Each structure stands twice: as structure tokens, then as C-alpha cells.
Amino acid sequence: MKIIEKIWLRNFKKFEDEEILFSDDLNILVGDNESGKSSILKAIEIVVSGSQAKIANIGLESLFNKNAISKFMAGNKIISLMPKIEIDLYIKDCSDFPELYGRFNQGNKNACGLHLVCEPDVDHSKDIDSILKKGGSNFPFEFYKVGFFTFSGESYSSYRKYFNYLFIDGTEINNEYATKSYIKTIFESNSESAQRARLENEYRKNKEEFKENFLSEVNKKIENFEFSVGSGLKSNLQADLTIIEDGIALENKGKGRQCLIKTEFALQRVKQGKPLDTLLLEEPENHLSHGNMKKLVEKIRNSSAGQIFISTHSSFIASKLDLRKSILLSASSGKALLFNGIPSDTADFFIKSPVNNVLEFCLSKKVILVEGNAEYILSDVMYEKVNGTSMEEDGVHLISVGGTSFKRYLDIALRLGIRVAVIRDNDKNFKINCVDGFSDYANEKDINVFYDSDNSRSTLEIAVYEDNRERCDEIFGEGRRSLSVKDYMLSNKTEAAYKMLKEIGSSIKVPNYIERAVKWIKE
């Protein structure tokens, strides 16, 4: 199997000049919308396909980096300065394909790989120059040519592909063209060319026999015309094929089941001894229930497929497959950051932990971590009370993680440079639980732990009660017999917090340690 070590992109989509390293087995692309996850999958697909038609269908205008075009149009409009799209796929080992080895790449250094270039066609220099001299914003995309080359400089095409790959797009599961293309790819990858030719011939012959044997009676009644059966590109064997499960065609299955079937087919091929070099999965979580998402994760984790690339918005998929295989893409900078520096025990923790908000955390710049529902319910109103602005306005995310998970999230914060305020109970010993317990992060400028240094104020409920005693007695005191107000609040934390939010709201007196936390995170 051929393994992609890294990709280099120039002027492709949002990437002006970016190099991204990959793991040999699994790569999980995560990031906000417009961060470039889909663009990386698309870049890989285009290069390994060697397909001019694929680029033509997408359109160069949508593939070019907008900044590169804008810079050129604002400067000297000379043909030699026109931007190019270039993509290099560096391959780990090409001993079986020596023609992949050479210096025809962006670094001009000997390596194994494939190179794509979209550049102005100099045969049309006069036309290009004429358009550029007219001024305005008209860029001559139509006069570009596309070339697919190995690193030795040899050209290749869709008829001479080096990669056996599949692309499954969860966002287009219900798209008829996408489904037909997938079925065609699966059919071609599970049959030899000579076998396909024989089957196509037999299929066409049977359609001709159907015309002669069954349509002839109808045609006898028609003068000058006759009914026949289509035999063009849109009605050949591959166009008419479908995949059946339990008597139901793939395209008639639910969207979630379609996604699972397509992935199963892709992974089955490896078990059948037909190696798949590259599997590209675009947002496989689309249309999947939680149960089916678990099935999908297990199939991927247990597969022996080659290299897998997944783009996802799902914390479940990213954490269960292994956060260390994730690549975080920034929507603002287009830069990529690998998670491989996360400690192995932290990655294992998220594999085994329940559903979490780890991707929400990873995609944030500022985060307040709290350990329970009560803190989560009251934090918004406390934040606004102290800062006069909302968390949304200040770009601060609030995440409840549970007291035992704080350090796991902080390990990720260190790798990704996230500013984190931890708000936690002192549990009657602030030195052990809040100071010594977080000593590994004591010198980190973007991580701070906030707690009440009075051990008698051991939980949020006690601190809130002490600072809002009169209002709490008023809200919870009526009819109280067996439990004191404070004990009631401790025994019914979530319900008490919700009632305080509704009854007291912005007039709440914020405990000092929480006030310090929300001021610090806004800095």
C-alpha cells in the first residue's frame, strides 16, 4: 500500500502555502466551517485521481486561493507573475514505482510523490495578455492548463492511476450522481477490465434480444418508428447497476444506512485481499444516529484498510478514534496543528470516556471549565454581572467537564494554546485539591485555576448561599422542615441553581473566586 506522508498546497482553496504531515494509518481533520477540512480531502482526491474532468467539473475559479488572485490583480498584471495552483503528495515508499521518485516538486529535492500544477497556458499568451490589459476584475481562468506529474516528471492521468482510493461524502449521501459514481467505482475496483468488457457486451446483447423478442409485437403496430432500448453511456451496464441489501436498492435506503453501507463496502475490499490505499470520508456522521455512529467508529477502528482520512465535526468520532490522530485546522489562518503531542493516557481517556465536548474545546480560544450542572447554569449570568458583556460577545466558551476530567482538557490546552480558566470546588482542602493537584500547570500563563481559599466554603452552593443568604432563605426557606436551606441546596444542586437563575438572575452576588475567574479570562 502507498502511504501519503504529507501534502503541500499552494494557492489551493484557502491554503496559500501550507505543508501538512499525516499519520500512516488514520488522519482526522477537525476545525470550524471554512477551515479547510474538505479542501484537504478534495486536494488528495484530485491528485490521486489524475482526472482533468474532475477539475473541470469543479471549476478553477472555485479552486484558486482568493488572496492569490487579489494580490495579482492589484499588482503588475504580467503573465509570468500569474499565480499557480500546485499540490504535492509525498509518498512514503515508491520502491515498486521508481517513476514516482525525483525532484519535480516544490522543494526541488529527491522524494517520492505526485505533483499537480494548474498554470497559464503559454500557447494562449496573446489572449491572456489582452484580457489583463483591459483592466477590471476579469481573471483569465479559462486559459489555464492542468498537469499531473510524478516527482520524476512523467505525466499520468485517470487511465494510469497510482492509488487505489475511494471517496465517500456524507454530505452528498442522497445525491443520485454521487451514489451512481460510488457504485461505479466499487464495481470497477471489484472486477478486472477484461471481465467488465465481457459483462458490458453480454448486457448489451441481452438488451438487443429483449428488443427483438419482446418489443417486436408493439413495434409491428407502429409505422416509420419503433421502440428500442437505450445503449448509450447513460444506459450501459455500469449506469444501470445498483447495490442491493435485503432486497432494497442502495439509493432507496435511509441516508444513515447508505453511509454505513458505503463504508462497509470500502473496508470489505481489504478483507477480500484487494488493498485500498486511501479511504476519504467527508463528515461520515451526517444522517447517523448515535447508535449507528458507534457502529461506524467500530468498523473504522477494526479495519485493516490502508490510510484513512476523515473530516468531521463530531467529538464522538474524533475522540473515540484517537485524538492523537487529529489535525486541527484554523478557519482564520488556514494553518494546521497536529494533536500528536497529547499524552497517550489523555487520548485513551477520551476513547473510553462518555460523550464529551472535546472538539468544542479544541476549536475555542478562551474557555471556562466548570465541574457540574449548577456551575454551568449560573456561570452565564455571573459572567455578565461582573464583566458587563456576555461570553458570546467576548468569544468565551463555557464547558462542563466533571472534576476528574480537568487535567485531560488542560493537556489539550497546552498543545493547542487555548486560554483556560478552571473553576472548581475546594472540597474542604484547597491546598491539596486546587493547588497541589494542578501544580503541573502552575507556570502556564494561559491556564489558571480559581477556587475559594476558605475550606468551609467547599462547594459552589455553600459559597453562593453565604454570599446571597437573605435571598436564598427567601426562595428556599418556605415550608422547610427536615433540611436547612443550605443543606437543601447541597442536596438539590441543579434544581436549586435553576431556581436561583430564574428568581435572582442578574442581581446575584458573585463569589469572589468566580469573579476573579471571569475577569481573568476576558483579559
Protein backbone atom coordinates (compact mmCIF):
# COMPACT_ATOMS: atom_id res chain seq x y z
CA MET A 1 0.00 0.00 0.00
CA LYS A 2 1.11 3.53 -0.74
CA ILE A 3 1.15 5.90 2.24
CA ILE A 4 0.87 9.69 1.92
CA GLU A 5 3.43 11.21 4.31
CA LYS A 6 2.44 14.82 3.77
CA ILE A 7 0.73 17.23 1.42
CA TRP A 8 1.96 20.63 0.27
CA LEU A 9 -0.56 23.10 -1.12
CA ARG A 10 0.00 26.42 -2.85
CA ASN A 11 -2.89 28.72 -3.79
CA PHE A 12 -5.41 25.91 -3.38
CA LYS A 13 -8.70 26.99 -1.82
CA LYS A 14 -7.84 28.75 1.48
CA PHE A 15 -4.24 27.47 1.53
CA GLU A 16 -1.71 29.95 0.15
CA ASP A 17 1.37 27.96 1.19
CA GLU A 18 0.86 25.11 3.64
CA GLU A 19 2.51 21.78 4.42
CA ILE A 20 0.59 19.20 6.46
CA LEU A 21 2.06 15.99 7.86
CA PHE A 22 -0.04 12.82 8.05
CA SER A 23 -0.12 9.66 10.15
CA ASP A 24 0.42 6.38 8.32
CA ASP A 25 -2.93 4.90 9.30
CA LEU A 26 -5.60 7.40 10.40
CA ASN A 27 -5.97 11.16 9.99
CA ILE A 28 -8.93 13.04 11.48
CA LEU A 29 -9.38 16.55 10.12
CA VAL A 30 -11.21 18.82 12.55
CA GLY A 31 -11.99 22.53 12.51
CA ASP A 32 -14.73 25.11 12.19
CA ASN A 33 -16.67 25.67 8.99
CA GLU A 34 -14.48 27.11 6.22
CA SER A 35 -11.30 25.92 7.95
CA GLY A 36 -10.18 23.75 5.02
CA LYS A 37 -11.09 20.21 6.12
CA SER A 38 -12.99 19.42 2.93
CA SER A 39 -10.36 21.20 0.84
CA ILE A 40 -7.63 18.80 2.00
CA LEU A 41 -9.77 15.76 1.17
CA LYS A 42 -10.59 17.30 -2.20
CA ALA A 43 -6.91 18.04 -2.90
CA ILE A 44 -5.94 14.44 -2.15
CA GLU A 45 -8.78 13.10 -4.29
CA ILE A 46 -7.91 15.32 -7.25
CA VAL A 47 -4.22 14.39 -7.24
CA VAL A 48 -4.66 10.62 -6.82
CA SER A 49 -7.45 10.59 -9.44
CA GLY A 50 -5.33 12.21 -12.15
CA SER A 51 -8.61 13.45 -13.57
CA GLN A 52 -8.79 16.57 -15.72
CA ALA A 53 -12.57 16.13 -15.86
CA LYS A 54 -12.82 16.27 -12.07
CA ILE A 55 -11.14 19.69 -12.04
CA ALA A 56 -13.27 20.88 -14.95
CA ASN A 57 -16.45 19.86 -13.11
CA ILE A 58 -15.41 21.77 -10.01
CA GLY A 59 -14.10 24.80 -11.88
CA LEU A 60 -10.72 26.50 -11.41
CA GLU A 61 -12.37 29.65 -10.11
CA SER A 62 -13.61 27.79 -7.03
CA LEU A 63 -10.24 26.03 -6.51
CA PHE A 64 -7.97 29.08 -6.61
CA ASN A 65 -6.99 30.89 -3.43
CA LYS A 66 -8.85 34.21 -3.43
CA ASN A 67 -5.95 36.15 -1.86
CA ALA A 68 -3.53 34.99 -4.55
CA ILE A 69 -5.89 36.24 -7.25
CA SER A 70 -6.50 39.55 -5.46
CA LYS A 71 -2.77 40.20 -4.97
CA PHE A 72 -2.06 39.55 -8.62
CA MET A 73 -4.91 41.75 -9.83
CA ALA A 74 -3.71 44.58 -7.57
CA GLY A 75 -0.12 44.37 -8.83
CA ASN A 76 1.69 44.13 -12.15
CA LYS A 77 -0.53 42.05 -14.41
CA ILE A 78 2.25 40.15 -16.14
CA ILE A 79 1.73 36.59 -17.36
CA SER A 80 4.94 35.37 -15.71
CA LEU A 81 3.63 36.57 -12.33
CA MET A 82 0.24 34.87 -12.60
CA PRO A 83 -0.49 32.57 -9.62
CA LYS A 84 -0.37 28.81 -9.98
CA ILE A 85 -2.14 26.07 -8.07
CA GLU A 86 0.37 23.42 -7.01
CA ILE A 87 -0.19 20.33 -4.89
CA ASP A 88 2.46 17.79 -3.91
CA LEU A 89 1.62 14.44 -2.34
CA TYR A 90 4.73 12.97 -0.71
CA ILE A 91 4.62 9.17 -0.66
CA LYS A 92 6.45 7.09 1.95
CA ASP A 93 7.82 4.35 -0.27
CA CYS A 94 7.88 4.03 -4.05
CA SER A 95 10.22 1.07 -4.46
CA ASP A 96 7.61 -0.65 -6.65
CA PHE A 97 7.12 2.51 -8.71
CA PRO A 98 10.56 4.08 -9.38
CA GLU A 99 8.98 6.64 -11.71
CA LEU A 100 7.49 8.34 -8.63
CA TYR A 101 10.99 9.26 -7.42
CA GLY A 102 12.58 12.55 -8.41
CA ARG A 103 12.94 16.29 -7.81
CA PHE A 104 9.84 17.55 -9.65
CA ASN A 105 8.29 19.05 -6.52
CA GLN A 106 8.14 22.33 -4.61
CA GLY A 107 11.34 21.65 -2.66
CA ASN A 108 13.30 20.50 -5.72
CA LYS A 109 14.58 17.63 -3.59
CA ASN A 110 14.61 13.94 -4.34
CA ALA A 111 11.49 12.30 -2.92
CA CYS A 112 8.61 10.01 -3.87
CA GLY A 113 5.32 11.53 -4.88
CA LEU A 114 2.80 13.09 -7.24
CA HIS A 115 2.64 16.70 -8.37
CA LEU A 116 -0.30 18.69 -9.73
CA VAL A 117 0.09 22.09 -11.33
CA CYS A 118 -2.51 24.49 -12.75
CA GLU A 119 -0.71 27.24 -14.67
CA PRO A 120 -1.30 29.68 -17.51
CA ASP A 121 -1.17 28.07 -20.94
CA VAL A 122 1.60 29.98 -22.75
CA ASP A 123 0.13 28.91 -26.09
CA HIS A 124 -2.61 31.46 -25.35
CA SER A 125 -0.32 34.27 -24.19
CA LYS A 126 -1.85 36.81 -26.58
CA ASP A 127 -5.38 36.10 -25.36
CA ILE A 128 -4.30 36.21 -21.72
CA ASP A 129 -2.38 39.46 -22.22
CA SER A 130 -5.37 41.01 -24.00
CA ILE A 131 -7.69 40.22 -21.06
CA LEU A 132 -5.23 41.51 -18.47
CA LYS A 133 -4.69 44.79 -20.34
CA LYS A 134 -8.41 45.54 -20.35
CA GLY A 135 -8.27 46.08 -16.61
CA GLY A 136 -11.17 45.43 -14.27
CA SER A 137 -11.58 42.27 -12.22
CA ASN A 138 -11.73 39.75 -15.07
CA PHE A 139 -9.20 36.97 -14.39
CA PRO A 140 -8.46 34.54 -17.28
CA PHE A 141 -9.19 31.22 -15.56
CA GLU A 142 -10.22 29.74 -18.91
CA PHE A 143 -6.66 29.95 -20.24
CA TYR A 144 -5.08 27.74 -17.58
CA LYS A 145 -3.89 24.20 -18.21
CA VAL A 146 -3.73 21.34 -15.70
CA GLY A 147 -0.90 18.84 -15.49
CA PHE A 148 -0.49 15.67 -13.41
CA PHE A 149 3.13 14.51 -12.92
CA THR A 150 5.15 12.10 -10.86
CA PHE A 151 8.15 13.52 -8.98
CA SER A 152 10.32 12.19 -11.84
CA GLY A 153 8.45 14.50 -14.22
CA GLU A 154 6.43 11.80 -16.01
CA SER A 155 2.80 12.65 -16.68
CA TYR A 156 -0.05 10.44 -15.52
CA SER A 157 -3.84 10.51 -15.90
CA SER A 158 -7.06 8.89 -14.74
CA TYR A 159 -6.23 5.97 -17.05
CA ARG A 160 -2.93 5.41 -15.27
CA LYS A 161 -3.57 5.93 -11.58
CA TYR A 162 -1.09 5.06 -8.88
CA PHE A 163 -3.56 4.99 -5.98
CA ASN A 164 -6.46 2.68 -5.31
CA TYR A 165 -8.83 5.02 -3.45
CA LEU A 166 -12.43 5.66 -2.51
CA PHE A 167 -14.13 8.92 -1.57
CA ILE A 168 -17.36 8.79 0.47
CA ASP A 169 -19.06 12.13 1.01
CA GLY A 170 -21.58 12.06 3.88
CA THR A 171 -22.87 15.47 2.82
CA GLU A 172 -23.98 14.05 -0.55
CA ILE A 173 -25.37 10.69 0.55
CA ASN A 174 -28.73 11.50 -1.05
CA ASN A 175 -27.17 12.83 -4.24
CA GLU A 176 -28.02 10.49 -7.13
CA TYR A 177 -24.88 11.33 -9.09
CA ALA A 178 -22.67 10.71 -6.05
CA THR A 179 -24.35 7.36 -5.38
CA LYS A 180 -24.02 6.25 -9.01
CA SER A 181 -20.37 7.32 -9.08
CA TYR A 182 -19.73 5.35 -5.91
CA ILE A 183 -21.39 2.19 -7.29
CA LYS A 184 -19.37 2.55 -10.50
CA THR A 185 -16.13 2.89 -8.52
CA ILE A 186 -16.96 -0.13 -6.37
CA PHE A 187 -17.81 -2.21 -9.47
CA GLU A 188 -14.57 -1.25 -11.21
CA SER A 189 -12.47 -1.96 -8.14
CA ASN A 190 -14.02 -5.44 -7.72
CA SER A 191 -13.67 -6.55 -11.34
CA GLU A 192 -10.92 -6.79 -13.95
CA SER A 193 -11.10 -4.70 -17.13
CA ALA A 194 -11.50 -7.76 -19.38
CA GLN A 195 -14.26 -9.09 -17.15
CA ARG A 196 -16.07 -5.73 -17.28
CA ALA A 197 -15.82 -5.68 -21.07
CA ARG A 198 -17.38 -9.16 -21.28
CA LEU A 199 -20.17 -8.17 -18.91
CA GLU A 200 -20.86 -4.96 -20.83
CA ASN A 201 -21.02 -6.92 -24.08
CA GLU A 202 -23.35 -9.53 -22.60
CA TYR A 203 -25.60 -6.81 -21.13
CA ARG A 204 -25.85 -5.01 -24.49
CA LYS A 205 -26.56 -8.29 -26.31
CA ASN A 206 -29.37 -9.13 -23.89
CA LYS A 207 -30.95 -5.73 -24.41
CA GLU A 208 -30.92 -6.30 -28.17
CA GLU A 209 -32.55 -9.71 -27.64
CA PHE A 210 -35.18 -8.08 -25.44
CA LYS A 211 -35.98 -5.67 -28.27
CA GLU A 212 -36.29 -8.46 -30.82
CA ASN A 213 -38.21 -10.91 -28.61
CA PHE A 214 -40.48 -8.65 -26.57
CA LEU A 215 -40.81 -5.25 -28.24
CA SER A 216 -41.40 -6.62 -31.73
CA GLU A 217 -45.12 -7.14 -31.09
CA VAL A 218 -45.54 -3.48 -30.15
CA ASN A 219 -43.33 -2.26 -33.00
CA LYS A 220 -45.48 -4.09 -35.57
CA LYS A 221 -48.28 -1.65 -34.73
CA ILE A 222 -46.15 1.45 -35.39
CA GLU A 223 -45.31 2.83 -38.83
CA ASN A 224 -41.99 4.56 -39.59
CA PHE A 225 -40.76 4.28 -35.96
CA GLU A 226 -40.02 1.58 -33.42
CA PHE A 227 -39.33 1.20 -29.70
CA SER A 228 -35.82 0.18 -28.69
CA VAL A 229 -33.70 0.01 -25.53
CA GLY A 230 -31.09 2.67 -24.82
CA SER A 231 -27.46 1.70 -25.29
CA GLY A 232 -25.57 4.96 -24.75
CA LEU A 233 -23.30 5.97 -21.89
CA LYS A 234 -26.28 6.74 -19.66
CA SER A 235 -27.87 3.32 -20.14
CA ASN A 236 -24.98 0.87 -20.12
CA LEU A 237 -24.29 -1.80 -17.51
CA GLN A 238 -22.41 0.42 -15.09
CA ALA A 239 -25.02 3.17 -15.30
CA ASP A 240 -27.81 0.70 -14.53
CA LEU A 241 -26.07 -1.15 -11.70
CA THR A 242 -27.09 -0.70 -8.09
CA ILE A 243 -26.24 -2.36 -4.76
CA ILE A 244 -28.95 -4.35 -3.01
CA GLU A 245 -29.28 -5.10 0.71
CA ASP A 246 -32.26 -7.13 1.94
CA GLY A 247 -33.97 -6.60 -1.40
CA ILE A 248 -33.74 -2.79 -1.24
CA ALA A 249 -31.54 -0.73 -3.59
CA LEU A 250 -28.84 1.42 -2.02
CA GLU A 251 -30.35 4.67 -3.32
CA ASN A 252 -33.66 3.79 -1.63
CA LYS A 253 -32.06 3.20 1.76
CA GLY A 254 -32.11 5.80 4.52
CA LYS A 255 -29.26 8.28 4.39
CA GLY A 256 -27.62 6.93 7.53
CA ARG A 257 -27.73 3.36 6.26
CA GLN A 258 -26.31 4.47 2.91
CA CYS A 259 -23.31 5.93 4.69
CA LEU A 260 -22.74 2.72 6.65
CA ILE A 261 -23.14 0.50 3.56
CA LYS A 262 -20.68 2.56 1.54
CA THR A 263 -18.10 2.49 4.32
CA GLU A 264 -18.61 -1.25 4.84
CA PHE A 265 -18.03 -1.88 1.14
CA ALA A 266 -14.83 0.16 1.21
CA LEU A 267 -13.48 -1.68 4.24
CA GLN A 268 -14.60 -5.11 2.99
CA ARG A 269 -12.35 -4.86 -0.02
CA VAL A 270 -9.27 -5.04 2.19
CA LYS A 271 -10.54 -8.21 3.84
CA GLN A 272 -11.08 -9.71 0.39
CA GLY A 273 -7.41 -9.17 -0.47
CA LYS A 274 -8.00 -6.15 -2.69
CA PRO A 275 -5.94 -3.46 -1.00
CA LEU A 276 -7.32 0.03 -0.69
CA ASP A 277 -4.53 2.60 -0.45
CA THR A 278 -6.65 5.58 0.55
CA LEU A 279 -10.13 5.98 2.01
CA LEU A 280 -11.50 9.54 2.15
CA LEU A 281 -14.56 10.12 4.39
CA GLU A 282 -16.28 13.50 4.35
CA GLU A 283 -18.35 14.11 7.50
CA PRO A 284 -19.48 10.49 7.94
CA GLU A 285 -21.57 11.49 10.96
CA ASN A 286 -24.16 13.14 8.69
CA HIS A 287 -27.56 11.42 9.00
CA LEU A 288 -26.27 8.92 11.57
CA SER A 289 -27.95 8.23 14.89
CA HIS A 290 -25.70 7.85 17.93
CA GLY A 291 -26.01 4.07 17.69
CA ASN A 292 -25.01 3.97 14.03
CA MET A 293 -22.16 6.39 14.70
CA LYS A 294 -20.83 3.90 17.26
CA LYS A 295 -21.06 1.13 14.64
CA LEU A 296 -19.21 3.27 12.11
CA VAL A 297 -16.43 4.07 14.59
CA GLU A 298 -16.00 0.40 15.44
CA LYS A 299 -15.82 -0.58 11.76
CA ILE A 300 -13.13 2.03 11.14
CA ARG A 301 -11.16 1.15 14.28
CA ASN A 302 -11.22 -2.57 13.50
CA SER A 303 -10.48 -2.26 9.79
CA SER A 304 -7.20 -3.11 8.16
CA ALA A 305 -7.70 -0.56 5.42
CA GLY A 306 -4.76 1.49 4.24
CA GLN A 307 -4.59 5.16 5.08
CA ILE A 308 -7.87 6.75 6.17
CA PHE A 309 -8.67 10.46 6.06
CA ILE A 310 -11.80 11.70 7.85
CA SER A 311 -13.20 15.21 8.10
CA THR A 312 -15.64 15.61 10.98
CA HIS A 313 -17.49 17.95 13.34
CA SER A 314 -18.18 15.09 15.74
CA SER A 315 -16.46 14.98 19.13
CA PHE A 316 -17.54 11.34 19.37
CA ILE A 317 -15.76 10.30 16.17
CA ALA A 318 -12.60 12.30 16.88
CA SER A 319 -12.20 11.16 20.48
CA LYS A 320 -13.21 7.52 20.00
CA LEU A 321 -10.85 7.02 17.06
CA ASP A 322 -7.91 8.64 18.95
CA LEU A 323 -7.34 12.37 19.38
CA ARG A 324 -3.63 11.91 18.64
CA LYS A 325 -4.59 11.24 15.03
CA SER A 326 -6.42 14.57 14.75
CA ILE A 327 -5.28 17.59 12.75
CA LEU A 328 -6.80 20.91 13.82
CA LEU A 329 -7.34 23.44 11.05
CA SER A 330 -7.77 27.12 11.85
CA ALA A 331 -10.54 28.94 9.97
CA SER A 332 -8.75 32.28 10.34
CA SER A 333 -5.18 31.33 9.44
CA GLY A 334 -5.64 28.14 7.44
CA LYS A 335 -2.79 26.62 9.44
CA ALA A 336 -2.77 23.02 10.61
CA LEU A 337 -1.83 21.79 14.08
CA LEU A 338 -1.28 18.13 14.88
CA PHE A 339 -2.57 16.62 18.11
CA ASN A 340 0.19 14.01 18.24
CA GLY A 341 1.80 15.72 21.25
CA ILE A 342 -1.14 14.91 23.52
CA PRO A 343 -0.17 12.38 26.23
CA SER A 344 -1.24 8.84 25.41
CA ASP A 345 -3.16 8.42 28.67
CA THR A 346 -5.19 11.55 27.87
CA ALA A 347 -6.03 10.23 24.40
CA ASP A 348 -7.00 6.88 25.94
CA PHE A 349 -9.16 8.69 28.49
CA PHE A 350 -11.25 10.30 25.75
CA ILE A 351 -11.54 7.00 23.88
CA LYS A 352 -13.10 5.42 26.96
CA SER A 353 -14.98 8.41 28.36
CA PRO A 354 -18.69 9.11 27.70
CA VAL A 355 -19.82 11.62 25.08
CA ASN A 356 -17.81 14.80 25.63
CA ASN A 357 -17.29 18.29 24.27
CA VAL A 358 -13.69 17.82 23.31
CA LEU A 359 -13.99 19.28 19.77
CA GLU A 360 -15.89 22.29 21.07
CA PHE A 361 -12.99 22.78 23.46
CA CYS A 362 -10.35 22.32 20.76
CA LEU A 363 -12.00 24.88 18.48
CA SER A 364 -12.15 27.55 21.19
CA LYS A 365 -9.66 30.30 22.00
CA LYS A 366 -10.90 31.02 25.53
CA VAL A 367 -12.68 28.51 27.76
CA ILE A 368 -14.13 28.41 31.24
CA LEU A 369 -14.19 24.85 32.57
CA VAL A 370 -16.66 24.03 35.34
CA GLU A 371 -17.37 20.73 37.03
CA GLY A 372 -21.13 20.45 37.25
CA ASN A 373 -24.61 21.44 36.11
CA ALA A 374 -25.10 24.04 38.84
CA GLU A 375 -21.95 25.93 37.84
CA TYR A 376 -22.93 25.71 34.19
CA ILE A 377 -26.41 27.10 34.84
CA LEU A 378 -25.20 30.11 36.85
CA SER A 379 -21.96 30.98 35.05
CA ASP A 380 -23.53 32.98 32.20
CA VAL A 381 -25.37 35.38 34.49
CA MET A 382 -22.36 35.69 36.80
CA TYR A 383 -20.11 36.48 33.84
CA GLU A 384 -22.40 39.25 32.62
CA LYS A 385 -22.80 40.61 36.14
CA VAL A 386 -19.01 41.00 36.52
CA ASN A 387 -17.93 41.97 33.01
CA GLY A 388 -20.97 43.76 31.65
CA THR A 389 -20.74 41.65 28.48
CA SER A 390 -21.80 38.14 27.52
CA MET A 391 -19.49 35.20 26.96
CA GLU A 392 -20.59 35.10 23.31
CA GLU A 393 -19.55 38.72 22.82
CA ASP A 394 -16.13 38.04 24.34
CA GLY A 395 -15.54 34.78 22.47
CA VAL A 396 -15.52 32.70 25.66
CA HIS A 397 -16.87 29.16 25.72
CA LEU A 398 -18.30 27.53 28.83
CA ILE A 399 -17.86 23.76 29.15
CA SER A 400 -18.86 21.42 31.96
CA VAL A 401 -16.41 18.54 32.18
CA GLY A 402 -16.64 16.94 35.61
CA GLY A 403 -14.00 17.39 38.28
CA THR A 404 -11.89 14.36 37.34
CA SER A 405 -11.54 15.48 33.70
CA PHE A 406 -9.98 18.92 34.18
CA LYS A 407 -6.41 17.77 33.64
CA ARG A 408 -7.29 15.89 30.45
CA TYR A 409 -8.63 19.06 28.89
CA LEU A 410 -5.64 21.06 30.16
CA ASP A 411 -3.27 18.64 28.42
CA ILE A 412 -5.03 19.50 25.16
CA ALA A 413 -4.99 23.22 26.00
CA LEU A 414 -1.20 23.12 26.37
CA ARG A 415 -0.84 21.55 22.91
CA LEU A 416 -3.26 23.92 21.19
CA GLY A 417 -2.55 27.17 23.07
CA ILE A 418 -6.06 27.62 24.48
CA ARG A 419 -6.60 30.08 27.35
CA VAL A 420 -8.43 28.20 30.12
CA ALA A 421 -9.93 29.25 33.44
CA VAL A 422 -10.75 26.29 35.68
CA ILE A 423 -13.45 26.97 38.28
CA ARG A 424 -13.65 24.23 40.84
CA ASP A 425 -14.77 23.44 44.39
CA ASN A 426 -12.08 23.18 47.05
CA ASP A 427 -13.79 20.10 48.56
CA LYS A 428 -12.69 21.19 52.06
CA ASN A 429 -8.97 21.27 51.20
CA PHE A 430 -8.00 23.91 48.62
CA LYS A 431 -4.25 23.18 49.04
CA ILE A 432 -4.49 19.54 48.01
CA ASN A 433 -7.35 19.78 45.52
CA CYS A 434 -6.75 23.13 43.87
CA VAL A 435 -3.06 23.95 44.31
CA ASP A 436 -1.09 20.71 44.57
CA GLY A 437 -3.50 18.93 42.22
CA PHE A 438 -2.72 21.41 39.43
CA SER A 439 0.98 22.00 40.11
CA ASP A 440 1.93 20.76 36.62
CA TYR A 441 0.21 23.83 35.15
CA ALA A 442 1.26 26.40 37.76
CA ASN A 443 3.69 28.21 35.45
CA GLU A 444 1.46 28.25 32.38
CA LYS A 445 0.39 31.82 31.57
CA ASP A 446 -2.78 30.71 29.73
CA ILE A 447 -4.02 28.28 32.40
CA ASN A 448 -5.35 29.38 35.77
CA VAL A 449 -7.29 27.57 38.49
CA PHE A 450 -9.83 29.52 40.58
CA TYR A 451 -11.23 28.32 43.89
CA ASP A 452 -12.42 29.57 47.26
CA SER A 453 -9.50 29.57 49.70
CA ASP A 454 -11.86 29.24 52.66
CA ASN A 455 -12.16 25.48 53.21
CA SER A 456 -15.52 25.92 54.92
CA ARG A 457 -16.89 27.22 51.60
CA SER A 458 -16.21 23.85 50.00
CA THR A 459 -18.71 23.95 47.13
CA LEU A 460 -20.38 26.48 44.85
CA GLU A 461 -23.68 26.02 46.67
CA ILE A 462 -22.19 26.95 50.03
CA ALA A 463 -20.36 29.97 48.57
CA VAL A 464 -23.49 31.20 46.80
CA TYR A 465 -25.60 30.68 49.90
CA GLU A 466 -23.16 32.56 52.14
CA ASP A 467 -22.99 35.50 49.70
CA ASN A 468 -26.75 35.53 48.98
CA ARG A 469 -28.10 34.28 52.32
CA GLU A 470 -31.13 36.56 52.52
CA ARG A 471 -32.39 35.81 49.02
CA CYS A 472 -31.70 32.09 49.34
CA ASP A 473 -33.65 31.88 52.61
CA GLU A 474 -36.47 33.75 50.91
CA ILE A 475 -36.55 31.42 47.89
CA PHE A 476 -35.95 28.05 49.55
CA GLY A 477 -36.94 28.64 53.19
CA GLU A 478 -40.71 28.39 52.98
CA GLY A 479 -42.03 25.09 54.35
CA ARG A 480 -38.52 23.84 55.06
CA ARG A 481 -38.63 21.28 57.92
CA SER A 482 -36.11 18.45 57.71
CA LEU A 483 -33.31 20.23 55.81
CA SER A 484 -31.83 23.66 56.28
CA VAL A 485 -31.78 25.91 53.20
CA LYS A 486 -28.07 25.31 52.72
CA ASP A 487 -28.46 21.55 53.05
CA TYR A 488 -31.38 21.62 50.63
CA MET A 489 -29.24 23.47 48.07
CA LEU A 490 -26.47 20.90 48.52
CA SER A 491 -28.88 18.00 48.08
CA ASN A 492 -30.61 19.51 45.03
CA LYS A 493 -27.77 21.30 43.26
CA THR A 494 -29.12 21.50 39.73
CA GLU A 495 -32.70 22.37 40.70
CA ALA A 496 -31.54 24.98 43.20
CA ALA A 497 -29.22 26.62 40.64
CA TYR A 498 -32.01 26.78 38.07
CA LYS A 499 -34.43 28.32 40.56
CA MET A 500 -31.84 30.92 41.60
CA LEU A 501 -31.28 31.81 37.96
CA LYS A 502 -34.99 32.39 37.48
CA GLU A 503 -35.63 34.17 40.82
CA ILE A 504 -32.44 36.18 41.37
CA GLY A 505 -30.88 36.44 37.92
CA SER A 506 -28.50 39.37 37.40
CA SER A 507 -28.90 40.59 40.97
CA ILE A 508 -26.94 37.61 42.27
CA LYS A 509 -23.84 38.36 44.35
CA VAL A 510 -20.94 36.60 42.64
CA PRO A 511 -18.48 34.69 44.86
CA ASN A 512 -15.02 36.27 44.77
CA TYR A 513 -13.20 33.32 43.18
CA ILE A 514 -15.68 33.24 40.29
CA GLU A 515 -15.41 37.00 39.86
CA ARG A 516 -11.64 36.66 39.57
CA ALA A 517 -12.01 33.85 37.04
CA VAL A 518 -14.34 35.68 34.66
CA LYS A 519 -12.23 38.85 34.81
CA TRP A 520 -9.06 36.89 34.04
CA ILE A 521 -10.50 35.00 31.07
CA LYS A 522 -11.61 38.25 29.45
CA GLU A 523 -8.14 39.84 29.64
